Structures are given as C-alpha cells and as structure tokens.
C-alpha atoms as a PDB file:
ATOM      1  CA  MET A   1     153.797  74.673  62.210  1.00  0.00           C
ATOM      2  CA  LEU A   2     153.126  72.359  65.118  1.00  0.00           C
ATOM      3  CA  ARG A   3     149.738  74.022  65.560  1.00  0.00           C
ATOM      4  CA  TRP A   4     148.841  73.250  61.933  1.00  0.00           C
ATOM      5  CA  ALA A   5     149.904  69.653  62.417  1.00  0.00           C
ATOM      6  CA  LEU A   6     147.550  69.386  65.387  1.00  0.00           C
ATOM      7  CA  VAL A   7     144.736  71.037  63.415  1.00  0.00           C
ATOM      8  CA  PHE A   8     145.120  68.529  60.581  1.00  0.00           C
ATOM      9  CA  LEU A   9     145.321  65.672  63.081  1.00  0.00           C
ATOM     10  CA  VAL A  10     142.065  66.689  64.761  1.00  0.00           C
ATOM     11  CA  LEU A  11     140.427  67.246  61.378  1.00  0.00           C
ATOM     12  CA  GLY A  12     141.523  63.787  60.268  1.00  0.00           C
ATOM     13  CA  LEU A  13     140.263  62.146  63.429  1.00  0.00           C
ATOM     14  CA  ILE A  14     136.876  63.854  63.164  1.00  0.00           C
ATOM     15  CA  ALA A  15     136.606  62.967  59.468  1.00  0.00           C
ATOM     16  CA  GLY A  16     137.518  59.366  60.277  1.00  0.00           C
ATOM     17  CA  VAL A  17     134.825  59.121  62.937  1.00  0.00           C
ATOM     18  CA  LEU A  18     132.252  60.533  60.527  1.00  0.00           C
ATOM     19  CA  GLY A  19     133.263  58.061  57.805  1.00  0.00           C
ATOM     20  CA  PHE A  20     135.083  60.349  55.374  1.00  0.00           C
ATOM     21  CA  THR A  21     138.044  58.042  54.953  1.00  0.00           C
ATOM     22  CA  ALA A  22     139.676  59.792  51.987  1.00  0.00           C
ATOM     23  CA  ILE A  23     139.671  63.150  53.748  1.00  0.00           C
ATOM     24  CA  ALA A  24     140.817  61.541  56.981  1.00  0.00           C
ATOM     25  CA  GLY A  25     143.730  59.774  55.304  1.00  0.00           C
ATOM     26  CA  ALA A  26     144.891  62.889  53.497  1.00  0.00           C
ATOM     27  CA  SER A  27     144.579  64.993  56.616  1.00  0.00           C
ATOM     28  CA  ILE A  28     146.536  62.522  58.733  1.00  0.00           C
ATOM     29  CA  ALA A  29     149.248  62.339  56.053  1.00  0.00           C
ATOM     30  CA  ILE A  30     149.553  66.134  56.043  1.00  0.00           C
ATOM     31  CA  ALA A  31     149.703  66.146  59.847  1.00  0.00           C
ATOM     32  CA  LYS A  32     152.500  63.548  59.827  1.00  0.00           C
ATOM     33  CA  PHE A  33     154.469  65.483  57.234  1.00  0.00           C
ATOM     34  CA  LEU A  34     154.149  68.757  59.134  1.00  0.00           C
ATOM     35  CA  PHE A  35     155.089  67.123  62.424  1.00  0.00           C
ATOM     36  CA  PHE A  36     158.254  65.538  61.042  1.00  0.00           C
ATOM     37  CA  LEU A  37     159.162  68.764  59.247  1.00  0.00           C
ATOM     38  CA  PHE A  38     158.734  70.624  62.538  1.00  0.00           C
ATOM     39  CA  LEU A  39     160.863  68.025  64.299  1.00  0.00           C
ATOM     40  CA  ALA A  40     163.654  68.288  61.711  1.00  0.00           C
ATOM     41  CA  ILE A  41     163.696  72.092  61.837  1.00  0.00           C
ATOM     42  CA  PHE A  42     163.674  71.979  65.642  1.00  0.00           C
ATOM     43  CA  VAL A  43     166.711  69.678  65.736  1.00  0.00           C
ATOM     44  CA  VAL A  44     168.616  71.833  63.233  1.00  0.00           C
ATOM     45  CA  PHE A  45     167.963  75.005  65.207  1.00  0.00           C
ATOM     46  CA  LEU A  46     168.813  73.240  68.472  1.00  0.00           C
ATOM     47  CA  ILE A  47     172.198  72.186  67.103  1.00  0.00           C
ATOM     48  CA  LEU A  48     172.832  75.647  65.658  1.00  0.00           C
ATOM     49  CA  GLY A  49     171.901  77.251  68.960  1.00  0.00           C
ATOM     50  CA  LEU A  50     174.213  75.008  70.928  1.00  0.00           C
ATOM     51  CA  THR A  51     177.148  75.624  68.604  1.00  0.00           C
ATOM     52  CA  ALA A  52     176.561  79.385  68.636  1.00  0.00           C
ATOM     53  CA  ALA A  53     176.378  79.405  72.431  1.00  0.00           C
ATOM     54  CA  ARG A  54     179.633  77.481  72.585  1.00  0.00           C
ATOM     55  CA  ARG A  55     181.329  80.028  70.289  1.00  0.00           C
ATOM     56  CA  ILE A  56     180.026  82.984  72.317  1.00  0.00           C
ATOM     57  CA  ALA A  57     181.218  81.401  75.556  1.00  0.00           C
ATOM     58  CA  GLY A  58     184.669  81.022  73.994  1.00  0.00           C
ATOM     59  CA  ARG A  59     185.124  77.273  74.332  1.00  0.00           C
END
C-alpha cells in the first residue's frame, strides 16, 4: 500500500510539472489517502503485536 502511495505521489508530481493540474490534484489526494490508511493500519497492527507479545511472555 505504501508503494502505491509513492507511485501516485510521483505520478502527481510529474503531472503537476507538465501542467495537468486536475490529474495532479487527484493523484496527490489518492496518495495522501493511501499513506494515512497505511499509517493507521500500521499503528493498529503495532498495538496488536505488542499486546500479543505481552500475553505470550506471560506478563
């Protein structure tokens, strides 16, 4: 998912340089959405992993 966010970011930057502002804006918006979705999923799995490790360790 992070890879797709980077792809859309690069696509948006290239489109912005070439003057395609509508495509650039949409692409950057998609990149932002994917990045924050990735970040949210990462935090959830990090918390789940820490709590599962704590249960396995017996604390």
